[in-house]
Amino acid sequence: MLRRRANGETVEDIQPGLLIPTGRRKGHSPSLSSSYRALAEHEKAQAYPEAIETAHADFAALQKHGRNLV
């Protein structure tokens, strides 16, 4: 999807050719909104990699803390 967007194709042109690999909708194309959301999340991760890394570390610490309480 990223390569095709970089080549100037629209999400509307790309979306029908995509397939969901697992889950309830396996084998179907994702919705347009899901496609746009995935692109937006990718752009955020590219723009703020340190924030993503910090969020993952914080989540891991919370999970570890939660396991110690059980």
PDB file of N, CA and C in Angstrom:
ATOM      1  N   MET A   1       0.821  -1.177   0.000  1.00  0.00           N
ATOM      2  CA  MET A   1       0.000   0.000   0.000  1.00  0.00           C
ATOM      3  C   MET A   1       0.873   1.251   0.000  1.00  0.00           C
ATOM      4  N   LEU A   2       1.920   1.249   0.829  1.00  0.00           N
ATOM      5  CA  LEU A   2       2.797   2.422   0.900  1.00  0.00           C
ATOM      6  C   LEU A   2       3.487   2.688  -0.436  1.00  0.00           C
ATOM      7  N   ARG A   3       3.953   1.647  -1.058  1.00  0.00           N
ATOM      8  CA  ARG A   3       4.641   1.798  -2.349  1.00  0.00           C
ATOM      9  C   ARG A   3       3.678   2.328  -3.412  1.00  0.00           C
ATOM     10  N   ARG A   4       2.474   1.806  -3.423  1.00  0.00           N
ATOM     11  CA  ARG A   4       1.497   2.260  -4.422  1.00  0.00           C
ATOM     12  C   ARG A   4       1.079   3.701  -4.168  1.00  0.00           C
ATOM     13  N   ARG A   5       0.931   4.096  -2.879  1.00  0.00           N
ATOM     14  CA  ARG A   5       0.612   5.496  -2.561  1.00  0.00           C
ATOM     15  C   ARG A   5       1.752   6.407  -3.019  1.00  0.00           C
ATOM     16  N   ALA A   6       2.982   5.956  -2.784  1.00  0.00           N
ATOM     17  CA  ALA A   6       4.145   6.750  -3.193  1.00  0.00           C
ATOM     18  C   ALA A   6       4.192   6.923  -4.708  1.00  0.00           C
ATOM     19  N   ASN A   7       3.628   5.985  -5.435  1.00  0.00           N
ATOM     20  CA  ASN A   7       3.579   6.079  -6.901  1.00  0.00           C
ATOM     21  C   ASN A   7       2.386   6.894  -7.392  1.00  0.00           C
ATOM     22  N   GLY A   8       1.617   7.469  -6.462  1.00  0.00           N
ATOM     23  CA  GLY A   8       0.539   8.365  -6.841  1.00  0.00           C
ATOM     24  C   GLY A   8      -0.851   7.766  -6.924  1.00  0.00           C
ATOM     25  N   GLU A   9      -0.997   6.493  -6.581  1.00  0.00           N
ATOM     26  CA  GLU A   9      -2.334   5.884  -6.625  1.00  0.00           C
ATOM     27  C   GLU A   9      -3.162   6.356  -5.428  1.00  0.00           C
ATOM     28  N   THR A  10      -4.463   6.403  -5.606  1.00  0.00           N
ATOM     29  CA  THR A  10      -5.348   6.794  -4.515  1.00  0.00           C
ATOM     30  C   THR A  10      -5.674   5.577  -3.647  1.00  0.00           C
ATOM     31  N   VAL A  11      -6.095   5.844  -2.420  1.00  0.00           N
ATOM     32  CA  VAL A  11      -6.496   4.759  -1.517  1.00  0.00           C
ATOM     33  C   VAL A  11      -7.678   4.003  -2.116  1.00  0.00           C
ATOM     34  N   GLU A  12      -8.566   4.716  -2.777  1.00  0.00           N
ATOM     35  CA  GLU A  12      -9.727   4.082  -3.411  1.00  0.00           C
ATOM     36  C   GLU A  12      -9.315   3.095  -4.503  1.00  0.00           C
ATOM     37  N   ASP A  13      -8.207   3.377  -5.192  1.00  0.00           N
ATOM     38  CA  ASP A  13      -7.707   2.459  -6.225  1.00  0.00           C
ATOM     39  C   ASP A  13      -6.984   1.263  -5.614  1.00  0.00           C
ATOM     40  N   ILE A  14      -6.301   1.492  -4.507  1.00  0.00           N
ATOM     41  CA  ILE A  14      -5.482   0.448  -3.878  1.00  0.00           C
ATOM     42  C   ILE A  14      -6.323  -0.519  -3.051  1.00  0.00           C
ATOM     43  N   GLN A  15      -7.285  -0.011  -2.316  1.00  0.00           N
ATOM     44  CA  GLN A  15      -8.047  -0.783  -1.340  1.00  0.00           C
ATOM     45  C   GLN A  15      -8.661  -2.074  -1.885  1.00  0.00           C
ATOM     46  N   PRO A  16      -9.265  -2.104  -3.075  1.00  0.00           N
ATOM     47  CA  PRO A  16      -9.864  -3.368  -3.538  1.00  0.00           C
ATOM     48  C   PRO A  16      -8.857  -4.497  -3.751  1.00  0.00           C
ATOM     49  N   GLY A  17      -7.599  -4.151  -3.969  1.00  0.00           N
ATOM     50  CA  GLY A  17      -6.576  -5.169  -4.190  1.00  0.00           C
ATOM     51  C   GLY A  17      -5.936  -5.698  -2.923  1.00  0.00           C
ATOM     52  N   LEU A  18      -6.295  -5.150  -1.775  1.00  0.00           N
ATOM     53  CA  LEU A  18      -5.749  -5.601  -0.505  1.00  0.00           C
ATOM     54  C   LEU A  18      -6.608  -6.717   0.067  1.00  0.00           C
ATOM     55  N   LEU A  19      -5.976  -7.624   0.793  1.00  0.00           N
ATOM     56  CA  LEU A  19      -6.698  -8.715   1.438  1.00  0.00           C
ATOM     57  C   LEU A  19      -6.320  -8.787   2.911  1.00  0.00           C
ATOM     58  N   ILE A  20      -7.302  -9.042   3.756  1.00  0.00           N
ATOM     59  CA  ILE A  20      -7.069  -9.224   5.182  1.00  0.00           C
ATOM     60  C   ILE A  20      -6.594 -10.668   5.374  1.00  0.00           C
ATOM     61  N   PRO A  21      -5.411 -10.866   6.003  1.00  0.00           N
ATOM     62  CA  PRO A  21      -4.841 -12.214   6.075  1.00  0.00           C
ATOM     63  C   PRO A  21      -5.419 -13.124   7.156  1.00  0.00           C
ATOM     64  N   THR A  22      -5.976 -12.555   8.238  1.00  0.00           N
ATOM     65  CA  THR A  22      -6.470 -13.393   9.333  1.00  0.00           C
ATOM     66  C   THR A  22      -7.757 -12.809   9.908  1.00  0.00           C
ATOM     67  N   GLY A  23      -8.385 -13.582  10.753  1.00  0.00           N
ATOM     68  CA  GLY A  23      -9.555 -13.087  11.480  1.00  0.00           C
ATOM     69  C   GLY A  23     -10.865 -13.322  10.773  1.00  0.00           C
ATOM     70  N   ARG A  24     -11.879 -12.693  11.329  1.00  0.00           N
ATOM     71  CA  ARG A  24     -13.253 -12.876  10.854  1.00  0.00           C
ATOM     72  C   ARG A  24     -13.425 -12.480   9.395  1.00  0.00           C
ATOM     73  N   ARG A  25     -12.705 -11.445   8.947  1.00  0.00           N
ATOM     74  CA  ARG A  25     -12.845 -10.967   7.564  1.00  0.00           C
ATOM     75  C   ARG A  25     -11.711 -11.458   6.661  1.00  0.00           C
ATOM     76  N   LYS A  26     -11.092 -12.573   7.031  1.00  0.00           N
ATOM     77  CA  LYS A  26     -10.001 -13.141   6.249  1.00  0.00           C
ATOM     78  C   LYS A  26     -10.430 -13.304   4.790  1.00  0.00           C
ATOM     79  N   GLY A  27      -9.560 -12.833   3.887  1.00  0.00           N
ATOM     80  CA  GLY A  27      -9.827 -12.963   2.463  1.00  0.00           C
ATOM     81  C   GLY A  27     -10.615 -11.814   1.858  1.00  0.00           C
ATOM     82  N   HIS A  28     -11.116 -10.904   2.684  1.00  0.00           N
ATOM     83  CA  HIS A  28     -11.861  -9.736   2.199  1.00  0.00           C
ATOM     84  C   HIS A  28     -10.949  -8.523   2.154  1.00  0.00           C
ATOM     85  N   SER A  29     -11.364  -7.510   1.441  1.00  0.00           N
ATOM     86  CA  SER A  29     -10.634  -6.244   1.410  1.00  0.00           C
ATOM     87  C   SER A  29     -11.000  -5.427   2.648  1.00  0.00           C
ATOM     88  N   PRO A  30     -10.035  -4.670   3.175  1.00  0.00           N
ATOM     89  CA  PRO A  30     -10.370  -3.794   4.306  1.00  0.00           C
ATOM     90  C   PRO A  30     -11.246  -2.641   3.829  1.00  0.00           C
ATOM     91  N   SER A  31     -11.960  -2.030   4.746  1.00  0.00           N
ATOM     92  CA  SER A  31     -12.776  -0.872   4.376  1.00  0.00           C
ATOM     93  C   SER A  31     -11.865   0.303   4.043  1.00  0.00           C
ATOM     94  N   LEU A  32     -12.437   1.294   3.370  1.00  0.00           N
ATOM     95  CA  LEU A  32     -11.666   2.498   3.076  1.00  0.00           C
ATOM     96  C   LEU A  32     -11.208   3.174   4.360  1.00  0.00           C
ATOM     97  N   SER A  33     -12.099   3.242   5.353  1.00  0.00           N
ATOM     98  CA  SER A  33     -11.718   3.900   6.606  1.00  0.00           C
ATOM     99  C   SER A  33     -10.576   3.159   7.293  1.00  0.00           C
ATOM    100  N   SER A  34     -10.574   1.839   7.253  1.00  0.00           N
ATOM    101  CA  SER A  34      -9.469   1.066   7.830  1.00  0.00           C
ATOM    102  C   SER A  34      -8.173   1.326   7.073  1.00  0.00           C
ATOM    103  N   SER A  35      -8.264   1.457   5.771  1.00  0.00           N
ATOM    104  CA  SER A  35      -7.082   1.735   4.958  1.00  0.00           C
ATOM    105  C   SER A  35      -6.507   3.109   5.294  1.00  0.00           C
ATOM    106  N   TYR A  36      -7.371   4.115   5.379  1.00  0.00           N
ATOM    107  CA  TYR A  36      -6.915   5.457   5.751  1.00  0.00           C
ATOM    108  C   TYR A  36      -6.339   5.466   7.164  1.00  0.00           C
ATOM    109  N   ARG A  37      -6.977   4.748   8.089  1.00  0.00           N
ATOM    110  CA  ARG A  37      -6.505   4.687   9.465  1.00  0.00           C
ATOM    111  C   ARG A  37      -5.111   4.047   9.538  1.00  0.00           C
ATOM    112  N   ALA A  38      -4.906   2.981   8.777  1.00  0.00           N
ATOM    113  CA  ALA A  38      -3.594   2.326   8.759  1.00  0.00           C
ATOM    114  C   ALA A  38      -2.527   3.269   8.223  1.00  0.00           C
ATOM    115  N   LEU A  39      -2.854   4.014   7.179  1.00  0.00           N
ATOM    116  CA  LEU A  39      -1.888   4.986   6.651  1.00  0.00           C
ATOM    117  C   LEU A  39      -1.583   6.072   7.668  1.00  0.00           C
ATOM    118  N   ALA A  40      -2.592   6.561   8.369  1.00  0.00           N
ATOM    119  CA  ALA A  40      -2.389   7.611   9.369  1.00  0.00           C
ATOM    120  C   ALA A  40      -1.528   7.102  10.522  1.00  0.00           C
ATOM    121  N   GLU A  41      -1.774   5.878  10.970  1.00  0.00           N
ATOM    122  CA  GLU A  41      -0.973   5.316  12.058  1.00  0.00           C
ATOM    123  C   GLU A  41       0.470   5.124  11.628  1.00  0.00           C
ATOM    124  N   HIS A  42       0.673   4.705  10.385  1.00  0.00           N
ATOM    125  CA  HIS A  42       2.035   4.557   9.870  1.00  0.00           C
ATOM    126  C   HIS A  42       2.753   5.911   9.835  1.00  0.00           C
ATOM    127  N   GLU A  43       2.051   6.940   9.379  1.00  0.00           N
ATOM    128  CA  GLU A  43       2.650   8.272   9.329  1.00  0.00           C
ATOM    129  C   GLU A  43       3.005   8.772  10.723  1.00  0.00           C
ATOM    130  N   LYS A  44       2.154   8.523  11.710  1.00  0.00           N
ATOM    131  CA  LYS A  44       2.458   8.924  13.088  1.00  0.00           C
ATOM    132  C   LYS A  44       3.695   8.203  13.598  1.00  0.00           C
ATOM    133  N   ALA A  45       3.773   6.897  13.334  1.00  0.00           N
ATOM    134  CA  ALA A  45       4.925   6.115  13.790  1.00  0.00           C
ATOM    135  C   ALA A  45       6.215   6.608  13.146  1.00  0.00           C
ATOM    136  N   GLN A  46       6.132   7.043  11.894  1.00  0.00           N
ATOM    137  CA  GLN A  46       7.313   7.570  11.206  1.00  0.00           C
ATOM    138  C   GLN A  46       7.701   8.943  11.752  1.00  0.00           C
ATOM    139  N   ALA A  47       6.712   9.752  12.108  1.00  0.00           N
ATOM    140  CA  ALA A  47       6.967  11.110  12.575  1.00  0.00           C
ATOM    141  C   ALA A  47       7.436  11.145  14.026  1.00  0.00           C
ATOM    142  N   TYR A  48       6.963  10.205  14.854  1.00  0.00           N
ATOM    143  CA  TYR A  48       7.265  10.223  16.288  1.00  0.00           C
ATOM    144  C   TYR A  48       7.746   8.855  16.778  1.00  0.00           C
ATOM    145  N   PRO A  49       8.864   8.337  16.244  1.00  0.00           N
ATOM    146  CA  PRO A  49       9.302   6.992  16.642  1.00  0.00           C
ATOM    147  C   PRO A  49       9.625   6.887  18.130  1.00  0.00           C
ATOM    148  N   GLU A  50      10.144   7.964  18.727  1.00  0.00           N
ATOM    149  CA  GLU A  50      10.485   7.907  20.152  1.00  0.00           C
ATOM    150  C   GLU A  50       9.223   7.798  21.008  1.00  0.00           C
ATOM    151  N   ALA A  51       8.136   8.419  20.585  1.00  0.00           N
ATOM    152  CA  ALA A  51       6.886   8.320  21.335  1.00  0.00           C
ATOM    153  C   ALA A  51       6.337   6.896  21.280  1.00  0.00           C
ATOM    154  N   ILE A  52       6.451   6.259  20.133  1.00  0.00           N
ATOM    155  CA  ILE A  52       5.982   4.871  19.993  1.00  0.00           C
ATOM    156  C   ILE A  52       6.812   3.955  20.883  1.00  0.00           C
ATOM    157  N   GLU A  53       8.129   4.138  20.871  1.00  0.00           N
ATOM    158  CA  GLU A  53       9.015   3.316  21.697  1.00  0.00           C
ATOM    159  C   GLU A  53       8.701   3.501  23.187  1.00  0.00           C
ATOM    160  N   THR A  54       8.493   4.743  23.612  1.00  0.00           N
ATOM    161  CA  THR A  54       8.161   5.028  25.006  1.00  0.00           C
ATOM    162  C   THR A  54       6.826   4.398  25.389  1.00  0.00           C
ATOM    163  N   ALA A  55       5.843   4.497  24.512  1.00  0.00           N
ATOM    164  CA  ALA A  55       4.533   3.905  24.787  1.00  0.00           C
ATOM    165  C   ALA A  55       4.639   2.390  24.941  1.00  0.00           C
ATOM    166  N   HIS A  56       5.424   1.741  24.106  1.00  0.00           N
ATOM    167  CA  HIS A  56       5.608   0.290  24.213  1.00  0.00           C
ATOM    168  C   HIS A  56       6.290  -0.069  25.533  1.00  0.00           C
ATOM    169  N   ALA A  57       7.310   0.705  25.916  1.00  0.00           N
ATOM    170  CA  ALA A  57       8.014   0.445  27.177  1.00  0.00           C
ATOM    171  C   ALA A  57       7.078   0.658  28.368  1.00  0.00           C
ATOM    172  N   ASP A  58       6.281   1.717  28.330  1.00  0.00           N
ATOM    173  CA  ASP A  58       5.327   1.974  29.411  1.00  0.00           C
ATOM    174  C   ASP A  58       4.295   0.853  29.520  1.00  0.00           C
ATOM    175  N   PHE A  59       3.805   0.383  28.389  1.00  0.00           N
ATOM    176  CA  PHE A  59       2.822  -0.693  28.383  1.00  0.00           C
ATOM    177  C   PHE A  59       3.422  -1.977  28.955  1.00  0.00           C
ATOM    178  N   ALA A  60       4.664  -2.277  28.567  1.00  0.00           N
ATOM    179  CA  ALA A  60       5.333  -3.475  29.089  1.00  0.00           C
ATOM    180  C   ALA A  60       5.515  -3.371  30.597  1.00  0.00           C
ATOM    181  N   ALA A  61       5.855  -2.190  31.087  1.00  0.00           N
ATOM    182  CA  ALA A  61       6.019  -1.994  32.529  1.00  0.00           C
ATOM    183  C   ALA A  61       4.688  -2.170  33.255  1.00  0.00           C
ATOM    184  N   LEU A  62       3.611  -1.664  32.681  1.00  0.00           N
ATOM    185  CA  LEU A  62       2.290  -1.837  33.286  1.00  0.00           C
ATOM    186  C   LEU A  62       1.886  -3.303  33.327  1.00  0.00           C
ATOM    187  N   GLN A  63       2.171  -4.021  32.256  1.00  0.00           N
ATOM    188  CA  GLN A  63       1.836  -5.449  32.233  1.00  0.00           C
ATOM    189  C   GLN A  63       2.629  -6.205  33.290  1.00  0.00           C
ATOM    190  N   LYS A  64       3.915  -5.889  33.399  1.00  0.00           N
ATOM    191  CA  LYS A  64       4.755  -6.550  34.391  1.00  0.00           C
ATOM    192  C   LYS A  64       4.249  -6.244  35.799  1.00  0.00           C
ATOM    193  N   HIS A  65       3.915  -4.995  36.052  1.00  0.00           N
ATOM    194  CA  HIS A  65       3.398  -4.597  37.362  1.00  0.00           C
ATOM    195  C   HIS A  65       2.085  -5.312  37.661  1.00  0.00           C
ATOM    196  N   GLY A  66       1.227  -5.428  36.654  1.00  0.00           N
ATOM    197  CA  GLY A  66      -0.050  -6.100  36.823  1.00  0.00           C
ATOM    198  C   GLY A  66       0.108  -7.571  37.154  1.00  0.00           C
ATOM    199  N   ARG A  67       1.112  -8.214  36.573  1.00  0.00           N
ATOM    200  CA  ARG A  67       1.348  -9.633  36.843  1.00  0.00           C
ATOM    201  C   ARG A  67       1.813  -9.845  38.265  1.00  0.00           C
ATOM    202  N   ASN A  68       2.573  -8.898  38.809  1.00  0.00           N
ATOM    203  CA  ASN A  68       3.063  -9.027  40.176  1.00  0.00           C
ATOM    204  C   ASN A  68       1.955  -8.908  41.203  1.00  0.00           C
ATOM    205  N   LEU A  69       0.859  -8.243  40.840  1.00  0.00           N
ATOM    206  CA  LEU A  69      -0.253  -8.065  41.760  1.00  0.00           C
ATOM    207  C   LEU A  69      -1.155  -9.281  41.840  1.00  0.00           C
ATOM    208  N   VAL A  70      -1.124 -10.101  40.823  1.00  0.00           N
ATOM    209  CA  VAL A  70      -2.047 -11.231  40.746  1.00  0.00           C
ATOM    210  C   VAL A  70      -1.601 -12.385  41.583  1.00  0.00           C
TER     211      VAL A  70
END
